[in-house]
Amino acid sequence: MGKRDVILADSPLVLFESTYYSHDRSRVFLYNPNNIPFPWYVGGSIVSVKQMVSDLPPYPIRAFIIKADGSYEMSYNTFISKH
């Protein structure tokens, strides 16, 4: 990971574990592209809205998406805005 890259947990069940093992906890987020409410039984009261994202970061920032089965993938957004 580079200094600007982020970790995105694709499930609330791996968010806390991903945060625990990260070198920089401020760069770990719950990836929630469908804006599904955070399940209360996982610990929703200790997760802030600032810890959730619904979009991938823009290139060159990379997102390492951690899956519940322990696998991961790297992705980023290549969308270029035209103003």
PDB file of N, CA and C in Angstrom:
ATOM      1  N   MET A   1       0.835  -1.190   0.000  1.00  0.00           N
ATOM      2  CA  MET A   1       0.000   0.000   0.000  1.00  0.00           C
ATOM      3  C   MET A   1       0.871   1.242   0.000  1.00  0.00           C
ATOM      4  N   GLY A   2       0.408   2.229  -0.729  1.00  0.00           N
ATOM      5  CA  GLY A   2       1.061   3.519  -0.714  1.00  0.00           C
ATOM      6  C   GLY A   2       0.522   4.372   0.431  1.00  0.00           C
ATOM      7  N   LYS A   3       1.123   5.513   0.632  1.00  0.00           N
ATOM      8  CA  LYS A   3       0.739   6.376   1.745  1.00  0.00           C
ATOM      9  C   LYS A   3      -0.669   6.942   1.616  1.00  0.00           C
ATOM     10  N   ARG A   4      -1.204   7.027   0.415  1.00  0.00           N
ATOM     11  CA  ARG A   4      -2.551   7.582   0.221  1.00  0.00           C
ATOM     12  C   ARG A   4      -3.615   6.508   0.019  1.00  0.00           C
ATOM     13  N   ASP A   5      -3.223   5.251  -0.160  1.00  0.00           N
ATOM     14  CA  ASP A   5      -4.168   4.166  -0.406  1.00  0.00           C
ATOM     15  C   ASP A   5      -5.023   3.898   0.828  1.00  0.00           C
ATOM     16  N   VAL A   6      -6.176   3.253   0.601  1.00  0.00           N
ATOM     17  CA  VAL A   6      -7.118   2.978   1.687  1.00  0.00           C
ATOM     18  C   VAL A   6      -7.475   1.497   1.720  1.00  0.00           C
ATOM     19  N   ILE A   7      -8.007   1.073   2.852  1.00  0.00           N
ATOM     20  CA  ILE A   7      -8.538  -0.278   3.019  1.00  0.00           C
ATOM     21  C   ILE A   7     -10.040  -0.145   3.147  1.00  0.00           C
ATOM     22  N   LEU A   8     -10.770  -0.916   2.352  1.00  0.00           N
ATOM     23  CA  LEU A   8     -12.227  -0.918   2.396  1.00  0.00           C
ATOM     24  C   LEU A   8     -12.704  -2.310   2.767  1.00  0.00           C
ATOM     25  N   ALA A   9     -13.368  -2.435   3.887  1.00  0.00           N
ATOM     26  CA  ALA A   9     -13.966  -3.713   4.286  1.00  0.00           C
ATOM     27  C   ALA A   9     -15.296  -3.838   3.562  1.00  0.00           C
ATOM     28  N   ASP A  10     -15.522  -4.941   2.869  1.00  0.00           N
ATOM     29  CA  ASP A  10     -16.770  -5.061   2.118  1.00  0.00           C
ATOM     30  C   ASP A  10     -17.916  -5.607   2.962  1.00  0.00           C
ATOM     31  N   SER A  11     -17.668  -5.822   4.252  1.00  0.00           N
ATOM     32  CA  SER A  11     -18.692  -6.320   5.161  1.00  0.00           C
ATOM     33  C   SER A  11     -18.436  -5.756   6.557  1.00  0.00           C
ATOM     34  N   PRO A  12     -19.498  -5.420   7.282  1.00  0.00           N
ATOM     35  CA  PRO A  12     -19.304  -4.968   8.659  1.00  0.00           C
ATOM     36  C   PRO A  12     -18.587  -6.013   9.516  1.00  0.00           C
ATOM     37  N   LEU A  13     -18.693  -7.281   9.131  1.00  0.00           N
ATOM     38  CA  LEU A  13     -18.084  -8.349   9.906  1.00  0.00           C
ATOM     39  C   LEU A  13     -16.558  -8.326   9.852  1.00  0.00           C
ATOM     40  N   VAL A  14     -15.968  -7.706   8.828  1.00  0.00           N
ATOM     41  CA  VAL A  14     -14.506  -7.633   8.738  1.00  0.00           C
ATOM     42  C   VAL A  14     -13.964  -6.225   8.972  1.00  0.00           C
ATOM     43  N   LEU A  15     -14.842  -5.268   9.225  1.00  0.00           N
ATOM     44  CA  LEU A  15     -14.401  -3.890   9.447  1.00  0.00           C
ATOM     45  C   LEU A  15     -13.488  -3.777  10.662  1.00  0.00           C
ATOM     46  N   PHE A  16     -13.893  -4.334  11.787  1.00  0.00           N
ATOM     47  CA  PHE A  16     -13.107  -4.193  13.011  1.00  0.00           C
ATOM     48  C   PHE A  16     -11.773  -4.927  12.913  1.00  0.00           C
ATOM     49  N   GLU A  17     -11.774  -6.097  12.302  1.00  0.00           N
ATOM     50  CA  GLU A  17     -10.535  -6.852  12.127  1.00  0.00           C
ATOM     51  C   GLU A  17      -9.584  -6.111  11.190  1.00  0.00           C
ATOM     52  N   SER A  18     -10.113  -5.545  10.120  1.00  0.00           N
ATOM     53  CA  SER A  18      -9.288  -4.776   9.187  1.00  0.00           C
ATOM     54  C   SER A  18      -8.699  -3.549   9.867  1.00  0.00           C
ATOM     55  N   THR A  19      -9.486  -2.910  10.706  1.00  0.00           N
ATOM     56  CA  THR A  19      -9.012  -1.742  11.450  1.00  0.00           C
ATOM     57  C   THR A  19      -7.908  -2.146  12.416  1.00  0.00           C
ATOM     58  N   TYR A  20      -8.102  -3.239  13.110  1.00  0.00           N
ATOM     59  CA  TYR A  20      -7.126  -3.715  14.100  1.00  0.00           C
ATOM     60  C   TYR A  20      -5.759  -3.973  13.469  1.00  0.00           C
ATOM     61  N   TYR A  21      -5.740  -4.620  12.295  1.00  0.00           N
ATOM     62  CA  TYR A  21      -4.474  -5.001  11.676  1.00  0.00           C
ATOM     63  C   TYR A  21      -3.867  -3.927  10.772  1.00  0.00           C
ATOM     64  N   SER A  22      -4.551  -2.832  10.579  1.00  0.00           N
ATOM     65  CA  SER A  22      -4.040  -1.765   9.723  1.00  0.00           C
ATOM     66  C   SER A  22      -2.963  -0.947  10.432  1.00  0.00           C
ATOM     67  N   HIS A  23      -1.993  -0.485   9.665  1.00  0.00           N
ATOM     68  CA  HIS A  23      -0.954   0.390  10.224  1.00  0.00           C
ATOM     69  C   HIS A  23      -1.488   1.795  10.466  1.00  0.00           C
ATOM     70  N   ASP A  24      -2.484   2.207   9.681  1.00  0.00           N
ATOM     71  CA  ASP A  24      -3.082   3.533   9.830  1.00  0.00           C
ATOM     72  C   ASP A  24      -4.596   3.368   9.861  1.00  0.00           C
ATOM     73  N   ARG A  25      -5.148   3.334  11.037  1.00  0.00           N
ATOM     74  CA  ARG A  25      -6.583   3.065  11.209  1.00  0.00           C
ATOM     75  C   ARG A  25      -7.471   4.140  10.600  1.00  0.00           C
ATOM     76  N   SER A  26      -6.932   5.321  10.378  1.00  0.00           N
ATOM     77  CA  SER A  26      -7.733   6.400   9.791  1.00  0.00           C
ATOM     78  C   SER A  26      -8.001   6.173   8.305  1.00  0.00           C
ATOM     79  N   ARG A  27      -7.332   5.179   7.713  1.00  0.00           N
ATOM     80  CA  ARG A  27      -7.532   4.887   6.289  1.00  0.00           C
ATOM     81  C   ARG A  27      -8.314   3.595   6.069  1.00  0.00           C
ATOM     82  N   VAL A  28      -9.064   3.147   7.063  1.00  0.00           N
ATOM     83  CA  VAL A  28      -9.890   1.939   6.948  1.00  0.00           C
ATOM     84  C   VAL A  28     -11.357   2.352   6.987  1.00  0.00           C
ATOM     85  N   PHE A  29     -12.131   1.874   6.021  1.00  0.00           N
ATOM     86  CA  PHE A  29     -13.533   2.254   5.905  1.00  0.00           C
ATOM     87  C   PHE A  29     -14.385   1.039   5.574  1.00  0.00           C
ATOM     88  N   LEU A  30     -15.667   1.156   5.848  1.00  0.00           N
ATOM     89  CA  LEU A  30     -16.633   0.156   5.402  1.00  0.00           C
ATOM     90  C   LEU A  30     -17.083   0.572   4.011  1.00  0.00           C
ATOM     91  N   TYR A  31     -16.896  -0.294   3.035  1.00  0.00           N
ATOM     92  CA  TYR A  31     -17.315  -0.017   1.662  1.00  0.00           C
ATOM     93  C   TYR A  31     -18.771  -0.428   1.521  1.00  0.00           C
ATOM     94  N   ASN A  32     -19.632   0.546   1.313  1.00  0.00           N
ATOM     95  CA  ASN A  32     -21.074   0.327   1.288  1.00  0.00           C
ATOM     96  C   ASN A  32     -21.669   1.039   0.076  1.00  0.00           C
ATOM     97  N   PRO A  33     -21.435   0.516  -1.141  1.00  0.00           N
ATOM     98  CA  PRO A  33     -21.896   1.207  -2.348  1.00  0.00           C
ATOM     99  C   PRO A  33     -23.418   1.299  -2.472  1.00  0.00           C
ATOM    100  N   ASN A  34     -24.151   0.445  -1.774  1.00  0.00           N
ATOM    101  CA  ASN A  34     -25.618   0.465  -1.850  1.00  0.00           C
ATOM    102  C   ASN A  34     -26.259   1.182  -0.674  1.00  0.00           C
ATOM    103  N   ASN A  35     -25.441   1.801   0.184  1.00  0.00           N
ATOM    104  CA  ASN A  35     -25.926   2.537   1.365  1.00  0.00           C
ATOM    105  C   ASN A  35     -26.905   1.729   2.214  1.00  0.00           C
ATOM    106  N   ILE A  36     -26.559   0.481   2.472  1.00  0.00           N
ATOM    107  CA  ILE A  36     -27.367  -0.397   3.321  1.00  0.00           C
ATOM    108  C   ILE A  36     -27.123   0.001   4.776  1.00  0.00           C
ATOM    109  N   PRO A  37     -28.169   0.120   5.578  1.00  0.00           N
ATOM    110  CA  PRO A  37     -27.969   0.500   6.984  1.00  0.00           C
ATOM    111  C   PRO A  37     -27.041  -0.480   7.697  1.00  0.00           C
ATOM    112  N   PHE A  38     -26.204   0.081   8.566  1.00  0.00           N
ATOM    113  CA  PHE A  38     -25.258  -0.736   9.321  1.00  0.00           C
ATOM    114  C   PHE A  38     -26.033  -1.594  10.318  1.00  0.00           C
ATOM    115  N   PRO A  39     -25.798  -2.915  10.348  1.00  0.00           N
ATOM    116  CA  PRO A  39     -26.544  -3.777  11.267  1.00  0.00           C
ATOM    117  C   PRO A  39     -26.202  -3.491  12.734  1.00  0.00           C
ATOM    118  N   TRP A  40     -27.193  -3.265  13.547  1.00  0.00           N
ATOM    119  CA  TRP A  40     -26.989  -2.914  14.954  1.00  0.00           C
ATOM    120  C   TRP A  40     -26.261  -4.016  15.717  1.00  0.00           C
ATOM    121  N   TYR A  41     -26.468  -5.276  15.324  1.00  0.00           N
ATOM    122  CA  TYR A  41     -25.900  -6.401  16.070  1.00  0.00           C
ATOM    123  C   TYR A  41     -24.394  -6.568  15.854  1.00  0.00           C
ATOM    124  N   VAL A  42     -23.818  -5.838  14.899  1.00  0.00           N
ATOM    125  CA  VAL A  42     -22.379  -5.922  14.654  1.00  0.00           C
ATOM    126  C   VAL A  42     -21.631  -4.861  15.458  1.00  0.00           C
ATOM    127  N   GLY A  43     -22.314  -3.881  15.946  1.00  0.00           N
ATOM    128  CA  GLY A  43     -21.671  -2.809  16.706  1.00  0.00           C
ATOM    129  C   GLY A  43     -21.853  -1.465  16.047  1.00  0.00           C
ATOM    130  N   GLY A  44     -22.991  -1.266  15.434  1.00  0.00           N
ATOM    131  CA  GLY A  44     -23.275  -0.029  14.717  1.00  0.00           C
ATOM    132  C   GLY A  44     -23.151   1.225  15.558  1.00  0.00           C
ATOM    133  N   SER A  45     -23.303   1.110  16.866  1.00  0.00           N
ATOM    134  CA  SER A  45     -23.229   2.297  17.716  1.00  0.00           C
ATOM    135  C   SER A  45     -21.801   2.820  17.865  1.00  0.00           C
ATOM    136  N   ILE A  46     -20.799   2.019  17.502  1.00  0.00           N
ATOM    137  CA  ILE A  46     -19.416   2.492  17.626  1.00  0.00           C
ATOM    138  C   ILE A  46     -18.789   2.813  16.270  1.00  0.00           C
ATOM    139  N   VAL A  47     -19.574   2.762  15.204  1.00  0.00           N
ATOM    140  CA  VAL A  47     -19.086   3.085  13.871  1.00  0.00           C
ATOM    141  C   VAL A  47     -19.737   4.390  13.430  1.00  0.00           C
ATOM    142  N   SER A  48     -18.908   5.357  13.067  1.00  0.00           N
ATOM    143  CA  SER A  48     -19.450   6.652  12.647  1.00  0.00           C
ATOM    144  C   SER A  48     -19.685   6.672  11.138  1.00  0.00           C
ATOM    145  N   VAL A  49     -20.475   7.613  10.701  1.00  0.00           N
ATOM    146  CA  VAL A  49     -20.750   7.793   9.279  1.00  0.00           C
ATOM    147  C   VAL A  49     -19.453   8.100   8.527  1.00  0.00           C
ATOM    148  N   LYS A  50     -18.501   8.728   9.180  1.00  0.00           N
ATOM    149  CA  LYS A  50     -17.214   9.065   8.559  1.00  0.00           C
ATOM    150  C   LYS A  50     -16.397   7.816   8.219  1.00  0.00           C
ATOM    151  N   GLN A  51     -16.739   6.682   8.818  1.00  0.00           N
ATOM    152  CA  GLN A  51     -16.018   5.439   8.558  1.00  0.00           C
ATOM    153  C   GLN A  51     -16.624   4.637   7.413  1.00  0.00           C
ATOM    154  N   MET A  52     -17.653   5.189   6.760  1.00  0.00           N
ATOM    155  CA  MET A  52     -18.317   4.481   5.674  1.00  0.00           C
ATOM    156  C   MET A  52     -18.160   5.259   4.370  1.00  0.00           C
ATOM    157  N   VAL A  53     -17.910   4.544   3.294  1.00  0.00           N
ATOM    158  CA  VAL A  53     -17.810   5.156   1.975  1.00  0.00           C
ATOM    159  C   VAL A  53     -18.655   4.364   0.983  1.00  0.00           C
ATOM    160  N   SER A  54     -19.160   5.055  -0.021  1.00  0.00           N
ATOM    161  CA  SER A  54     -19.976   4.378  -1.027  1.00  0.00           C
ATOM    162  C   SER A  54     -19.331   4.410  -2.410  1.00  0.00           C
ATOM    163  N   ASP A  55     -18.207   5.127  -2.527  1.00  0.00           N
ATOM    164  CA  ASP A  55     -17.506   5.216  -3.811  1.00  0.00           C
ATOM    165  C   ASP A  55     -16.048   4.790  -3.656  1.00  0.00           C
ATOM    166  N   LEU A  56     -15.506   4.308  -4.744  1.00  0.00           N
ATOM    167  CA  LEU A  56     -14.074   3.991  -4.765  1.00  0.00           C
ATOM    168  C   LEU A  56     -13.287   5.293  -4.887  1.00  0.00           C
ATOM    169  N   PRO A  57     -12.062   5.309  -4.383  1.00  0.00           N
ATOM    170  CA  PRO A  57     -11.265   6.529  -4.486  1.00  0.00           C
ATOM    171  C   PRO A  57     -10.821   6.772  -5.934  1.00  0.00           C
ATOM    172  N   PRO A  58     -10.558   8.022  -6.275  1.00  0.00           N
ATOM    173  CA  PRO A  58     -10.085   8.316  -7.632  1.00  0.00           C
ATOM    174  C   PRO A  58      -8.620   7.909  -7.809  1.00  0.00           C
ATOM    175  N   TYR A  59      -8.289   7.462  -9.010  1.00  0.00           N
ATOM    176  CA  TYR A  59      -6.909   7.157  -9.338  1.00  0.00           C
ATOM    177  C   TYR A  59      -6.081   8.419  -9.153  1.00  0.00           C
ATOM    178  N   PRO A  60      -4.903   8.357  -8.545  1.00  0.00           N
ATOM    179  CA  PRO A  60      -4.022   7.221  -8.302  1.00  0.00           C
ATOM    180  C   PRO A  60      -4.184   6.575  -6.931  1.00  0.00           C
ATOM    181  N   ILE A  61      -5.142   7.022  -6.123  1.00  0.00           N
ATOM    182  CA  ILE A  61      -5.368   6.368  -4.831  1.00  0.00           C
ATOM    183  C   ILE A  61      -6.001   5.006  -5.087  1.00  0.00           C
ATOM    184  N   ARG A  62      -5.466   3.984  -4.449  1.00  0.00           N
ATOM    185  CA  ARG A  62      -5.989   2.629  -4.621  1.00  0.00           C
ATOM    186  C   ARG A  62      -6.763   2.207  -3.384  1.00  0.00           C
ATOM    187  N   ALA A  63      -7.765   1.368  -3.600  1.00  0.00           N
ATOM    188  CA  ALA A  63      -8.526   0.787  -2.496  1.00  0.00           C
ATOM    189  C   ALA A  63      -8.255  -0.709  -2.472  1.00  0.00           C
ATOM    190  N   PHE A  64      -7.873  -1.198  -1.300  1.00  0.00           N
ATOM    191  CA  PHE A  64      -7.709  -2.632  -1.103  1.00  0.00           C
ATOM    192  C   PHE A  64      -8.973  -3.106  -0.410  1.00  0.00           C
ATOM    193  N   ILE A  65      -9.811  -3.811  -1.150  1.00  0.00           N
ATOM    194  CA  ILE A  65     -11.127  -4.242  -0.656  1.00  0.00           C
ATOM    195  C   ILE A  65     -10.969  -5.607  -0.007  1.00  0.00           C
ATOM    196  N   ILE A  66     -11.211  -5.653   1.308  1.00  0.00           N
ATOM    197  CA  ILE A  66     -11.084  -6.891   2.079  1.00  0.00           C
ATOM    198  C   ILE A  66     -12.442  -7.587   2.108  1.00  0.00           C
ATOM    199  N   LYS A  67     -12.458  -8.846   1.739  1.00  0.00           N
ATOM    200  CA  LYS A  67     -13.703  -9.624   1.703  1.00  0.00           C
ATOM    201  C   LYS A  67     -13.831 -10.488   2.954  1.00  0.00           C
ATOM    202  N   ALA A  68     -15.045 -10.919   3.241  1.00  0.00           N
ATOM    203  CA  ALA A  68     -15.331 -11.706   4.443  1.00  0.00           C
ATOM    204  C   ALA A  68     -14.572 -13.030   4.473  1.00  0.00           C
ATOM    205  N   ASP A  69     -14.224 -13.567   3.300  1.00  0.00           N
ATOM    206  CA  ASP A  69     -13.499 -14.839   3.276  1.00  0.00           C
ATOM    207  C   ASP A  69     -11.979 -14.665   3.414  1.00  0.00           C
ATOM    208  N   GLY A  70     -11.514 -13.422   3.623  1.00  0.00           N
ATOM    209  CA  GLY A  70     -10.104 -13.162   3.809  1.00  0.00           C
ATOM    210  C   GLY A  70      -9.360 -12.773   2.536  1.00  0.00           C
ATOM    211  N   SER A  71     -10.005 -12.921   1.401  1.00  0.00           N
ATOM    212  CA  SER A  71      -9.369 -12.513   0.150  1.00  0.00           C
ATOM    213  C   SER A  71      -9.495 -10.998  -0.010  1.00  0.00           C
ATOM    214  N   TYR A  72      -8.787 -10.457  -0.978  1.00  0.00           N
ATOM    215  CA  TYR A  72      -8.883  -9.026  -1.232  1.00  0.00           C
ATOM    216  C   TYR A  72      -8.688  -8.746  -2.709  1.00  0.00           C
ATOM    217  N   GLU A  73      -9.087  -7.562  -3.119  1.00  0.00           N
ATOM    218  CA  GLU A  73      -8.849  -7.096  -4.478  1.00  0.00           C
ATOM    219  C   GLU A  73      -8.476  -5.622  -4.415  1.00  0.00           C
ATOM    220  N   MET A  74      -7.773  -5.159  -5.409  1.00  0.00           N
ATOM    221  CA  MET A  74      -7.380  -3.769  -5.477  1.00  0.00           C
ATOM    222  C   MET A  74      -8.194  -3.101  -6.573  1.00  0.00           C
ATOM    223  N   SER A  75      -8.720  -1.906  -6.277  1.00  0.00           N
ATOM    224  CA  SER A  75      -9.542  -1.212  -7.253  1.00  0.00           C
ATOM    225  C   SER A  75      -9.444   0.292  -7.046  1.00  0.00           C
ATOM    226  N   TYR A  76      -9.921   1.045  -8.015  1.00  0.00           N
ATOM    227  CA  TYR A  76      -9.986   2.500  -7.921  1.00  0.00           C
ATOM    228  C   TYR A  76     -10.950   3.004  -8.977  1.00  0.00           C
ATOM    229  N   ASN A  77     -11.315   4.259  -8.868  1.00  0.00           N
ATOM    230  CA  ASN A  77     -12.251   4.881  -9.784  1.00  0.00           C
ATOM    231  C   ASN A  77     -11.458   5.609 -10.868  1.00  0.00           C
ATOM    232  N   THR A  78     -11.774   5.345 -12.133  1.00  0.00           N
ATOM    233  CA  THR A  78     -11.086   6.019 -13.233  1.00  0.00           C
ATOM    234  C   THR A  78     -11.982   7.057 -13.882  1.00  0.00           C
ATOM    235  N   PHE A  79     -13.098   7.364 -13.275  1.00  0.00           N
ATOM    236  CA  PHE A  79     -14.035   8.345 -13.813  1.00  0.00           C
ATOM    237  C   PHE A  79     -13.371   9.722 -13.862  1.00  0.00           C
ATOM    238  N   ILE A  80     -13.441  10.357 -15.004  1.00  0.00           N
ATOM    239  CA  ILE A  80     -12.905  11.706 -15.156  1.00  0.00           C
ATOM    240  C   ILE A  80     -14.073  12.652 -15.368  1.00  0.00           C
ATOM    241  N   SER A  81     -14.189  13.598 -14.474  1.00  0.00           N
ATOM    242  CA  SER A  81     -15.278  14.564 -14.538  1.00  0.00           C
ATOM    243  C   SER A  81     -14.996  15.607 -15.616  1.00  0.00           C
ATOM    244  N   LYS A  82     -16.030  15.942 -16.404  1.00  0.00           N
ATOM    245  CA  LYS A  82     -15.906  16.993 -17.413  1.00  0.00           C
ATOM    246  C   LYS A  82     -16.719  18.195 -16.944  1.00  0.00           C
ATOM    247  N   HIS A  83     -16.055  19.292 -16.716  1.00  0.00           N
ATOM    248  CA  HIS A  83     -16.748  20.506 -16.243  1.00  0.00           C
ATOM    249  C   HIS A  83     -16.892  21.483 -17.369  1.00  0.00           C
TER     250      HIS A  83
END
